Amino acid sequence: MSDLSEEPANMRFVRIGACIIAVLAIAMGLLWLGQGTGVVLWPSDSFMLQDRTWARNGLLLAAAGAIVLWLALPRQR
C-alpha cells in the first residue's frame, strides 16, 4: 500500500471527498438503474419506474462513479 503520510493534507482531503462522492454516485446510479428496469419499485408513485431513460442514466452515473472511485483510490508506487 502507498504511504498516505507522504501525501499533503489538502490532497488527502480531496481524495477522501472524491471517494465519498463516487460511492454516493454509484449508489444513486444503481437505484436509478433498478427503478428504470422495474426491479426497484420504490417509491410506488415515482415517475422513474420502468422508464428505460432512467435505467440508462443510472448505468452511466454508476459507471462514472466507479471510474472516479478507481482514480481516487491510492495506488502502490
N, C-alpha and C. Protein backbone atom coordinates (compact mmCIF):
# COMPACT_ATOMS: atom_id res chain seq x y z
N MET A 1 0.83 -1.19 0.00
CA MET A 1 0.00 0.00 0.00
C MET A 1 0.87 1.25 0.00
N SER A 2 0.33 2.31 -0.52
CA SER A 2 1.08 3.55 -0.54
C SER A 2 1.05 4.18 0.84
N ASP A 3 2.06 4.95 1.12
CA ASP A 3 2.17 5.61 2.41
C ASP A 3 1.43 6.94 2.33
N LEU A 4 0.26 7.01 2.95
CA LEU A 4 -0.55 8.22 2.88
C LEU A 4 0.05 9.36 3.70
N SER A 5 1.03 9.05 4.58
CA SER A 5 1.64 10.12 5.37
C SER A 5 2.49 11.04 4.49
N GLU A 6 2.92 10.55 3.31
CA GLU A 6 3.70 11.39 2.39
C GLU A 6 2.81 12.33 1.59
N GLU A 7 1.52 12.06 1.55
CA GLU A 7 0.60 12.85 0.76
C GLU A 7 0.24 14.14 1.53
N PRO A 8 0.23 15.29 0.86
CA PRO A 8 -0.16 16.53 1.53
C PRO A 8 -1.59 16.44 2.06
N ALA A 9 -1.86 17.14 3.13
CA ALA A 9 -3.17 17.08 3.79
C ALA A 9 -4.29 17.52 2.86
N ASN A 10 -4.05 18.54 2.05
CA ASN A 10 -5.12 19.00 1.16
C ASN A 10 -5.44 17.97 0.08
N MET A 11 -4.45 17.22 -0.39
CA MET A 11 -4.71 16.17 -1.38
C MET A 11 -5.46 15.00 -0.74
N ARG A 12 -5.14 14.70 0.51
CA ARG A 12 -5.85 13.63 1.21
C ARG A 12 -7.32 14.00 1.36
N PHE A 13 -7.59 15.28 1.66
CA PHE A 13 -8.97 15.77 1.78
C PHE A 13 -9.71 15.62 0.45
N VAL A 14 -9.05 15.99 -0.64
CA VAL A 14 -9.66 15.87 -1.97
C VAL A 14 -9.91 14.41 -2.32
N ARG A 15 -8.96 13.55 -2.01
CA ARG A 15 -9.09 12.12 -2.31
C ARG A 15 -10.26 11.51 -1.53
N ILE A 16 -10.37 11.84 -0.24
CA ILE A 16 -11.47 11.32 0.58
C ILE A 16 -12.80 11.86 0.08
N GLY A 17 -12.86 13.14 -0.26
CA GLY A 17 -14.08 13.74 -0.80
C GLY A 17 -14.49 13.09 -2.10
N ALA A 18 -13.53 12.82 -2.97
CA ALA A 18 -13.83 12.17 -4.25
C ALA A 18 -14.36 10.76 -4.02
N CYS A 19 -13.80 10.04 -3.06
CA CYS A 19 -14.27 8.69 -2.76
C CYS A 19 -15.71 8.71 -2.24
N ILE A 20 -16.02 9.66 -1.37
CA ILE A 20 -17.38 9.77 -0.83
C ILE A 20 -18.37 10.08 -1.95
N ILE A 21 -18.04 11.06 -2.78
CA ILE A 21 -18.92 11.43 -3.89
C ILE A 21 -19.08 10.26 -4.86
N ALA A 22 -18.01 9.52 -5.12
CA ALA A 22 -18.07 8.39 -6.04
C ALA A 22 -18.97 7.29 -5.51
N VAL A 23 -18.86 6.99 -4.22
CA VAL A 23 -19.70 5.94 -3.64
C VAL A 23 -21.17 6.36 -3.68
N LEU A 24 -21.45 7.63 -3.39
CA LEU A 24 -22.82 8.13 -3.48
C LEU A 24 -23.35 8.07 -4.91
N ALA A 25 -22.50 8.40 -5.88
CA ALA A 25 -22.90 8.34 -7.29
C ALA A 25 -23.20 6.90 -7.70
N ILE A 26 -22.40 5.96 -7.25
CA ILE A 26 -22.64 4.55 -7.57
C ILE A 26 -23.97 4.10 -6.96
N ALA A 27 -24.20 4.45 -5.70
CA ALA A 27 -25.45 4.06 -5.04
C ALA A 27 -26.66 4.67 -5.74
N MET A 28 -26.59 5.96 -6.07
CA MET A 28 -27.71 6.61 -6.74
C MET A 28 -27.92 6.03 -8.14
N GLY A 29 -26.82 5.78 -8.85
CA GLY A 29 -26.92 5.20 -10.18
C GLY A 29 -27.56 3.82 -10.16
N LEU A 30 -27.20 3.01 -9.17
CA LEU A 30 -27.80 1.68 -9.06
C LEU A 30 -29.28 1.78 -8.71
N LEU A 31 -29.66 2.75 -7.88
CA LEU A 31 -31.07 2.97 -7.57
C LEU A 31 -31.83 3.36 -8.83
N TRP A 32 -31.29 4.30 -9.59
CA TRP A 32 -31.94 4.73 -10.84
C TRP A 32 -32.04 3.56 -11.82
N LEU A 33 -30.98 2.77 -11.91
CA LEU A 33 -30.99 1.61 -12.79
C LEU A 33 -32.08 0.63 -12.38
N GLY A 34 -32.17 0.38 -11.08
CA GLY A 34 -33.20 -0.52 -10.58
C GLY A 34 -34.61 0.00 -10.82
N GLN A 35 -34.81 1.29 -10.62
CA GLN A 35 -36.12 1.88 -10.87
C GLN A 35 -36.45 1.87 -12.36
N GLY A 36 -35.48 2.20 -13.18
CA GLY A 36 -35.71 2.24 -14.61
C GLY A 36 -36.02 0.89 -15.22
N THR A 37 -35.44 -0.16 -14.66
CA THR A 37 -35.70 -1.51 -15.18
C THR A 37 -36.91 -2.16 -14.51
N GLY A 38 -37.44 -1.54 -13.47
CA GLY A 38 -38.60 -2.09 -12.78
C GLY A 38 -38.25 -3.08 -11.69
N VAL A 39 -36.96 -3.24 -11.38
CA VAL A 39 -36.55 -4.14 -10.30
C VAL A 39 -36.87 -3.52 -8.95
N VAL A 40 -36.63 -2.22 -8.81
CA VAL A 40 -36.92 -1.49 -7.58
C VAL A 40 -38.16 -0.63 -7.83
N LEU A 41 -39.25 -0.96 -7.19
CA LEU A 41 -40.50 -0.22 -7.39
C LEU A 41 -40.77 0.66 -6.17
N TRP A 42 -39.77 1.42 -5.78
CA TRP A 42 -39.88 2.32 -4.64
C TRP A 42 -39.37 3.68 -5.05
N PRO A 43 -40.01 4.73 -4.68
CA PRO A 43 -41.37 4.84 -4.15
C PRO A 43 -42.39 4.49 -5.22
N SER A 44 -43.54 4.03 -4.80
CA SER A 44 -44.52 3.48 -5.74
C SER A 44 -45.08 4.51 -6.71
N ASP A 45 -45.00 5.80 -6.38
CA ASP A 45 -45.54 6.83 -7.26
C ASP A 45 -44.45 7.57 -8.05
N SER A 46 -43.26 6.98 -8.13
CA SER A 46 -42.15 7.63 -8.82
C SER A 46 -42.37 7.64 -10.33
N PHE A 47 -42.02 8.74 -10.96
CA PHE A 47 -42.12 8.85 -12.43
C PHE A 47 -41.00 8.07 -13.13
N MET A 48 -40.02 7.58 -12.38
CA MET A 48 -38.87 6.90 -12.97
C MET A 48 -39.09 5.40 -13.16
N LEU A 49 -40.18 4.86 -12.62
CA LEU A 49 -40.39 3.42 -12.64
C LEU A 49 -40.62 2.91 -14.06
N GLN A 50 -39.87 1.87 -14.39
CA GLN A 50 -39.94 1.18 -15.69
C GLN A 50 -39.80 2.14 -16.87
N ASP A 51 -38.88 3.08 -16.72
CA ASP A 51 -38.57 4.03 -17.80
C ASP A 51 -37.11 3.78 -18.20
N ARG A 52 -36.89 3.32 -19.42
CA ARG A 52 -35.54 2.95 -19.87
C ARG A 52 -34.57 4.12 -19.86
N THR A 53 -35.10 5.34 -19.97
CA THR A 53 -34.22 6.52 -19.91
C THR A 53 -33.51 6.56 -18.57
N TRP A 54 -34.24 6.29 -17.50
CA TRP A 54 -33.63 6.32 -16.17
C TRP A 54 -32.71 5.14 -15.94
N ALA A 55 -33.00 4.02 -16.58
CA ALA A 55 -32.09 2.88 -16.49
C ALA A 55 -30.74 3.23 -17.14
N ARG A 56 -30.80 3.89 -18.31
CA ARG A 56 -29.57 4.31 -18.98
C ARG A 56 -28.83 5.35 -18.15
N ASN A 57 -29.57 6.35 -17.63
CA ASN A 57 -28.93 7.39 -16.82
C ASN A 57 -28.29 6.79 -15.58
N GLY A 58 -28.96 5.83 -14.96
CA GLY A 58 -28.41 5.18 -13.78
C GLY A 58 -27.14 4.40 -14.08
N LEU A 59 -27.15 3.71 -15.20
CA LEU A 59 -25.95 2.96 -15.61
C LEU A 59 -24.78 3.90 -15.86
N LEU A 60 -25.03 5.02 -16.53
CA LEU A 60 -23.97 6.00 -16.79
C LEU A 60 -23.45 6.63 -15.50
N LEU A 61 -24.36 6.96 -14.58
CA LEU A 61 -23.94 7.57 -13.31
C LEU A 61 -23.13 6.58 -12.48
N ALA A 62 -23.58 5.33 -12.41
CA ALA A 62 -22.83 4.32 -11.65
C ALA A 62 -21.45 4.07 -12.27
N ALA A 63 -21.37 4.05 -13.59
CA ALA A 63 -20.09 3.85 -14.26
C ALA A 63 -19.15 5.04 -13.99
N ALA A 64 -19.69 6.26 -14.06
CA ALA A 64 -18.87 7.44 -13.78
C ALA A 64 -18.38 7.42 -12.34
N GLY A 65 -19.24 7.04 -11.41
CA GLY A 65 -18.84 6.93 -10.01
C GLY A 65 -17.75 5.89 -9.81
N ALA A 66 -17.86 4.76 -10.51
CA ALA A 66 -16.84 3.72 -10.40
C ALA A 66 -15.49 4.20 -10.94
N ILE A 67 -15.52 4.95 -12.02
CA ILE A 67 -14.28 5.49 -12.59
C ILE A 67 -13.64 6.49 -11.63
N VAL A 68 -14.44 7.38 -11.07
CA VAL A 68 -13.91 8.36 -10.11
C VAL A 68 -13.35 7.65 -8.89
N LEU A 69 -14.04 6.63 -8.40
CA LEU A 69 -13.55 5.88 -7.24
C LEU A 69 -12.23 5.20 -7.57
N TRP A 70 -12.14 4.60 -8.74
CA TRP A 70 -10.89 3.94 -9.15
C TRP A 70 -9.74 4.92 -9.24
N LEU A 71 -10.02 6.12 -9.76
CA LEU A 71 -8.97 7.14 -9.87
C LEU A 71 -8.59 7.73 -8.52
N ALA A 72 -9.54 7.77 -7.57
CA ALA A 72 -9.29 8.41 -6.28
C ALA A 72 -8.59 7.50 -5.28
N LEU A 73 -8.68 6.19 -5.47
CA LEU A 73 -8.05 5.29 -4.52
C LEU A 73 -6.54 5.35 -4.65
N PRO A 74 -5.85 5.30 -3.52
CA PRO A 74 -4.38 5.34 -3.57
C PRO A 74 -3.82 4.08 -4.20
N ARG A 75 -2.70 4.23 -4.89
CA ARG A 75 -2.05 3.11 -5.55
C ARG A 75 -0.63 2.91 -5.02
N GLN A 76 -0.14 1.71 -5.20
CA GLN A 76 1.25 1.44 -4.85
C GLN A 76 2.15 2.06 -5.90
N ARG A 77 3.30 2.47 -5.50
CA ARG A 77 4.25 3.07 -6.46
C ARG A 77 5.30 2.08 -6.85
